[in-house]
Amino acid sequence: MEDTMLRLRLDDDLLDDVTHAIPQAVAEAESILERRLYASEADMEAAGDLRGLVIRPDITAAMLLLIDASVGANASKDAETKRQRAEMMLLRYAYRGV
């Protein structure tokens, strides 16, 4: 949590908002990807998920954009731009039915 706050340069008074925004960002990312995200290869194998995806640095960056769009001090246009950029980053890994 501390790392997220630091990377987004958010004040401590937004900690509760960020705490609630993280699961929302994960759910939004998984929806875009049409895949479940896992912290490690071992977690994915344990789940028996052949379509899953291990979180990579660029996926983390996309989720940080989604969190920032939700809790950062954004004009609505800025928040939408962040969401669009996050979606573009995630779509590279979207499930394509193969």
N, C-alpha and C. Protein backbone atom coordinates (compact mmCIF):
# COMPACT_ATOMS: atom_id res chain seq x y z
N MET A 1 0.82 -1.18 0.00
CA MET A 1 0.00 0.00 0.00
C MET A 1 0.88 1.26 0.00
N GLU A 2 1.91 1.23 0.83
CA GLU A 2 2.81 2.38 0.91
C GLU A 2 3.46 2.66 -0.45
N ASP A 3 3.84 1.59 -1.15
CA ASP A 3 4.45 1.75 -2.47
C ASP A 3 3.48 2.39 -3.45
N THR A 4 2.23 1.99 -3.40
CA THR A 4 1.21 2.57 -4.28
C THR A 4 1.05 4.05 -4.01
N MET A 5 0.96 4.41 -2.75
CA MET A 5 0.80 5.83 -2.37
C MET A 5 2.00 6.64 -2.84
N LEU A 6 3.18 6.08 -2.68
CA LEU A 6 4.41 6.78 -3.07
C LEU A 6 4.49 6.94 -4.59
N ARG A 7 4.21 5.86 -5.31
CA ARG A 7 4.30 5.92 -6.78
C ARG A 7 3.28 6.87 -7.38
N LEU A 8 2.12 6.98 -6.76
CA LEU A 8 1.09 7.88 -7.28
C LEU A 8 1.20 9.29 -6.69
N ARG A 9 2.13 9.45 -5.74
CA ARG A 9 2.33 10.74 -5.08
C ARG A 9 1.04 11.27 -4.47
N LEU A 10 0.38 10.39 -3.74
CA LEU A 10 -0.87 10.76 -3.09
C LEU A 10 -0.64 11.02 -1.61
N ASP A 11 -1.43 11.91 -1.06
CA ASP A 11 -1.35 12.22 0.36
C ASP A 11 -1.94 11.08 1.18
N ASP A 12 -1.48 10.98 2.42
CA ASP A 12 -1.94 9.91 3.31
C ASP A 12 -3.44 9.96 3.57
N ASP A 13 -4.05 11.12 3.43
CA ASP A 13 -5.49 11.21 3.68
C ASP A 13 -6.31 10.46 2.61
N LEU A 14 -5.67 10.03 1.54
CA LEU A 14 -6.35 9.25 0.50
C LEU A 14 -6.12 7.75 0.64
N LEU A 15 -5.49 7.34 1.73
CA LEU A 15 -5.16 5.92 1.93
C LEU A 15 -6.40 5.03 1.86
N ASP A 16 -7.48 5.42 2.51
CA ASP A 16 -8.70 4.60 2.47
C ASP A 16 -9.25 4.51 1.05
N ASP A 17 -9.21 5.62 0.33
CA ASP A 17 -9.69 5.62 -1.05
C ASP A 17 -8.86 4.68 -1.92
N VAL A 18 -7.55 4.73 -1.74
CA VAL A 18 -6.66 3.85 -2.51
C VAL A 18 -6.90 2.39 -2.13
N THR A 19 -7.09 2.12 -0.85
CA THR A 19 -7.36 0.76 -0.39
C THR A 19 -8.59 0.19 -1.10
N HIS A 20 -9.62 0.99 -1.26
CA HIS A 20 -10.83 0.54 -1.95
C HIS A 20 -10.66 0.51 -3.47
N ALA A 21 -9.80 1.35 -4.00
CA ALA A 21 -9.62 1.43 -5.45
C ALA A 21 -8.78 0.28 -6.01
N ILE A 22 -7.94 -0.33 -5.18
CA ILE A 22 -7.08 -1.41 -5.68
C ILE A 22 -7.89 -2.60 -6.19
N PRO A 23 -8.84 -3.14 -5.41
CA PRO A 23 -9.61 -4.27 -5.95
C PRO A 23 -10.44 -3.87 -7.17
N GLN A 24 -10.88 -2.63 -7.21
CA GLN A 24 -11.62 -2.15 -8.38
C GLN A 24 -10.72 -2.13 -9.61
N ALA A 25 -9.48 -1.69 -9.44
CA ALA A 25 -8.53 -1.64 -10.56
C ALA A 25 -8.20 -3.05 -11.04
N VAL A 26 -8.03 -3.98 -10.12
CA VAL A 26 -7.76 -5.37 -10.49
C VAL A 26 -8.94 -5.93 -11.27
N ALA A 27 -10.15 -5.70 -10.77
CA ALA A 27 -11.35 -6.20 -11.46
C ALA A 27 -11.49 -5.58 -12.85
N GLU A 28 -11.22 -4.29 -12.96
CA GLU A 28 -11.31 -3.62 -14.26
C GLU A 28 -10.25 -4.17 -15.22
N ALA A 29 -9.04 -4.38 -14.72
CA ALA A 29 -7.98 -4.94 -15.55
C ALA A 29 -8.34 -6.35 -16.02
N GLU A 30 -8.85 -7.17 -15.11
CA GLU A 30 -9.24 -8.53 -15.49
C GLU A 30 -10.38 -8.53 -16.50
N SER A 31 -11.27 -7.58 -16.39
CA SER A 31 -12.37 -7.46 -17.35
C SER A 31 -11.84 -7.09 -18.74
N ILE A 32 -10.92 -6.16 -18.80
CA ILE A 32 -10.32 -5.76 -20.08
C ILE A 32 -9.54 -6.93 -20.67
N LEU A 33 -8.80 -7.62 -19.83
CA LEU A 33 -7.96 -8.73 -20.28
C LEU A 33 -8.75 -9.99 -20.62
N GLU A 34 -9.92 -10.12 -20.00
CA GLU A 34 -10.70 -11.36 -20.07
C GLU A 34 -9.87 -12.53 -19.56
N ARG A 35 -9.07 -12.23 -18.54
CA ARG A 35 -8.20 -13.21 -17.89
C ARG A 35 -8.09 -12.83 -16.42
N ARG A 36 -7.80 -13.83 -15.62
CA ARG A 36 -7.55 -13.59 -14.20
C ARG A 36 -6.07 -13.29 -14.01
N LEU A 37 -5.78 -12.38 -13.09
CA LEU A 37 -4.40 -12.00 -12.79
C LEU A 37 -3.89 -12.73 -11.56
N TYR A 38 -2.61 -13.08 -11.59
CA TYR A 38 -1.97 -13.78 -10.48
C TYR A 38 -0.67 -13.10 -10.11
N ALA A 39 -0.32 -13.18 -8.83
CA ALA A 39 0.91 -12.57 -8.34
C ALA A 39 2.14 -13.33 -8.81
N SER A 40 2.00 -14.64 -9.02
CA SER A 40 3.16 -15.45 -9.42
C SER A 40 2.72 -16.61 -10.31
N GLU A 41 3.70 -17.17 -10.98
CA GLU A 41 3.46 -18.36 -11.81
C GLU A 41 2.96 -19.51 -10.95
N ALA A 42 3.51 -19.64 -9.75
CA ALA A 42 3.09 -20.71 -8.84
C ALA A 42 1.62 -20.56 -8.46
N ASP A 43 1.17 -19.33 -8.21
CA ASP A 43 -0.24 -19.10 -7.89
C ASP A 43 -1.14 -19.49 -9.05
N MET A 44 -0.72 -19.15 -10.25
CA MET A 44 -1.51 -19.47 -11.44
C MET A 44 -1.58 -20.98 -11.65
N GLU A 45 -0.45 -21.66 -11.48
CA GLU A 45 -0.42 -23.11 -11.63
C GLU A 45 -1.27 -23.78 -10.56
N ALA A 46 -1.20 -23.28 -9.33
CA ALA A 46 -1.99 -23.85 -8.24
C ALA A 46 -3.49 -23.71 -8.51
N ALA A 47 -3.87 -22.64 -9.19
CA ALA A 47 -5.28 -22.43 -9.53
C ALA A 47 -5.69 -23.26 -10.74
N GLY A 48 -4.71 -23.83 -11.45
CA GLY A 48 -5.01 -24.61 -12.64
C GLY A 48 -5.58 -23.76 -13.77
N ASP A 49 -5.20 -22.51 -13.80
CA ASP A 49 -5.75 -21.56 -14.78
C ASP A 49 -4.82 -21.48 -15.99
N LEU A 50 -5.26 -22.03 -17.10
CA LEU A 50 -4.45 -22.03 -18.32
C LEU A 50 -4.51 -20.70 -19.07
N ARG A 51 -5.52 -19.89 -18.78
CA ARG A 51 -5.67 -18.59 -19.45
C ARG A 51 -5.18 -17.44 -18.59
N GLY A 52 -4.84 -17.70 -17.35
CA GLY A 52 -4.44 -16.64 -16.43
C GLY A 52 -3.19 -15.91 -16.89
N LEU A 53 -2.87 -14.87 -16.16
CA LEU A 53 -1.72 -14.04 -16.51
C LEU A 53 -1.03 -13.58 -15.23
N VAL A 54 0.28 -13.76 -15.19
CA VAL A 54 1.07 -13.28 -14.06
C VAL A 54 1.27 -11.78 -14.24
N ILE A 55 1.09 -11.04 -13.17
CA ILE A 55 1.22 -9.58 -13.22
C ILE A 55 2.66 -9.21 -13.55
N ARG A 56 2.80 -8.39 -14.59
CA ARG A 56 4.10 -7.91 -15.05
C ARG A 56 4.19 -6.42 -14.73
N PRO A 57 5.37 -5.84 -14.81
CA PRO A 57 5.51 -4.41 -14.48
C PRO A 57 4.59 -3.49 -15.28
N ASP A 58 4.38 -3.78 -16.56
CA ASP A 58 3.50 -2.90 -17.33
C ASP A 58 2.03 -3.08 -16.97
N ILE A 59 1.66 -4.25 -16.49
CA ILE A 59 0.29 -4.45 -16.00
C ILE A 59 0.11 -3.70 -14.69
N THR A 60 1.13 -3.73 -13.84
CA THR A 60 1.10 -2.94 -12.61
C THR A 60 0.95 -1.47 -12.93
N ALA A 61 1.70 -0.99 -13.91
CA ALA A 61 1.62 0.43 -14.30
C ALA A 61 0.21 0.78 -14.79
N ALA A 62 -0.40 -0.11 -15.55
CA ALA A 62 -1.76 0.13 -16.02
C ALA A 62 -2.74 0.19 -14.85
N MET A 63 -2.58 -0.71 -13.88
CA MET A 63 -3.47 -0.69 -12.72
C MET A 63 -3.24 0.57 -11.88
N LEU A 64 -2.01 1.04 -11.80
CA LEU A 64 -1.75 2.29 -11.10
C LEU A 64 -2.46 3.46 -11.79
N LEU A 65 -2.48 3.45 -13.11
CA LEU A 65 -3.23 4.49 -13.84
C LEU A 65 -4.72 4.41 -13.51
N LEU A 66 -5.25 3.20 -13.42
CA LEU A 66 -6.66 3.04 -13.08
C LEU A 66 -6.96 3.54 -11.67
N ILE A 67 -6.05 3.26 -10.74
CA ILE A 67 -6.22 3.74 -9.37
C ILE A 67 -6.15 5.25 -9.34
N ASP A 68 -5.16 5.81 -10.02
CA ASP A 68 -5.00 7.26 -10.04
C ASP A 68 -6.21 7.94 -10.68
N ALA A 69 -6.77 7.33 -11.71
CA ALA A 69 -7.96 7.89 -12.35
C ALA A 69 -9.13 7.93 -11.37
N SER A 70 -9.17 6.98 -10.44
CA SER A 70 -10.26 6.92 -9.47
C SER A 70 -10.08 7.86 -8.29
N VAL A 71 -8.85 7.97 -7.79
CA VAL A 71 -8.66 8.71 -6.54
C VAL A 71 -7.81 9.96 -6.66
N GLY A 72 -7.09 10.11 -7.75
CA GLY A 72 -6.24 11.28 -7.91
C GLY A 72 -7.06 12.53 -8.16
N ALA A 73 -6.41 13.67 -8.03
CA ALA A 73 -7.07 14.95 -8.29
C ALA A 73 -7.06 15.17 -9.80
N ASN A 74 -8.10 14.68 -10.46
CA ASN A 74 -8.16 14.71 -11.92
C ASN A 74 -9.39 15.49 -12.39
N ALA A 75 -9.21 16.20 -13.47
CA ALA A 75 -10.38 16.67 -14.21
C ALA A 75 -10.96 15.43 -14.88
N SER A 76 -12.23 15.43 -15.21
CA SER A 76 -12.83 14.22 -15.79
C SER A 76 -12.13 13.82 -17.09
N LYS A 77 -11.65 14.79 -17.87
CA LYS A 77 -10.92 14.48 -19.10
C LYS A 77 -9.61 13.77 -18.79
N ASP A 78 -8.90 14.23 -17.74
CA ASP A 78 -7.64 13.60 -17.35
C ASP A 78 -7.87 12.17 -16.87
N ALA A 79 -8.92 11.97 -16.08
CA ALA A 79 -9.23 10.63 -15.59
C ALA A 79 -9.54 9.70 -16.76
N GLU A 80 -10.30 10.18 -17.73
CA GLU A 80 -10.64 9.36 -18.90
C GLU A 80 -9.39 9.04 -19.72
N THR A 81 -8.49 9.99 -19.86
CA THR A 81 -7.24 9.75 -20.58
C THR A 81 -6.43 8.66 -19.90
N LYS A 82 -6.36 8.70 -18.57
CA LYS A 82 -5.63 7.67 -17.82
C LYS A 82 -6.26 6.30 -18.03
N ARG A 83 -7.58 6.25 -18.00
CA ARG A 83 -8.27 4.97 -18.22
C ARG A 83 -8.00 4.43 -19.63
N GLN A 84 -8.03 5.32 -20.61
CA GLN A 84 -7.77 4.89 -21.99
C GLN A 84 -6.34 4.37 -22.14
N ARG A 85 -5.39 5.04 -21.54
CA ARG A 85 -4.00 4.59 -21.62
C ARG A 85 -3.81 3.25 -20.93
N ALA A 86 -4.47 3.09 -19.78
CA ALA A 86 -4.39 1.81 -19.07
C ALA A 86 -4.97 0.70 -19.94
N GLU A 87 -6.10 0.98 -20.56
CA GLU A 87 -6.73 -0.03 -21.42
C GLU A 87 -5.81 -0.40 -22.58
N MET A 88 -5.18 0.58 -23.20
CA MET A 88 -4.26 0.29 -24.31
C MET A 88 -3.10 -0.58 -23.84
N MET A 89 -2.60 -0.32 -22.64
CA MET A 89 -1.49 -1.12 -22.11
C MET A 89 -1.94 -2.57 -21.87
N LEU A 90 -3.15 -2.72 -21.37
CA LEU A 90 -3.65 -4.05 -21.02
C LEU A 90 -4.07 -4.86 -22.24
N LEU A 91 -4.57 -4.20 -23.26
CA LEU A 91 -5.09 -4.93 -24.42
C LEU A 91 -4.03 -5.78 -25.12
N ARG A 92 -2.77 -5.46 -24.93
CA ARG A 92 -1.70 -6.29 -25.51
C ARG A 92 -1.74 -7.71 -24.97
N TYR A 93 -2.29 -7.87 -23.78
CA TYR A 93 -2.33 -9.18 -23.13
C TYR A 93 -3.73 -9.77 -23.08
N ALA A 94 -4.68 -9.13 -23.74
CA ALA A 94 -6.07 -9.60 -23.68
C ALA A 94 -6.19 -11.00 -24.27
N TYR A 95 -7.08 -11.77 -23.69
CA TYR A 95 -7.33 -13.13 -24.17
C TYR A 95 -7.98 -13.04 -25.55
N ARG A 96 -7.46 -13.75 -26.49
CA ARG A 96 -7.95 -13.70 -27.87
C ARG A 96 -8.61 -15.02 -28.29
N GLY A 97 -8.97 -15.83 -27.32
CA GLY A 97 -9.66 -17.07 -27.64
C GLY A 97 -8.80 -18.15 -28.26
N VAL A 98 -7.51 -18.04 -28.09
CA VAL A 98 -6.60 -19.03 -28.68
C VAL A 98 -6.15 -20.00 -27.62
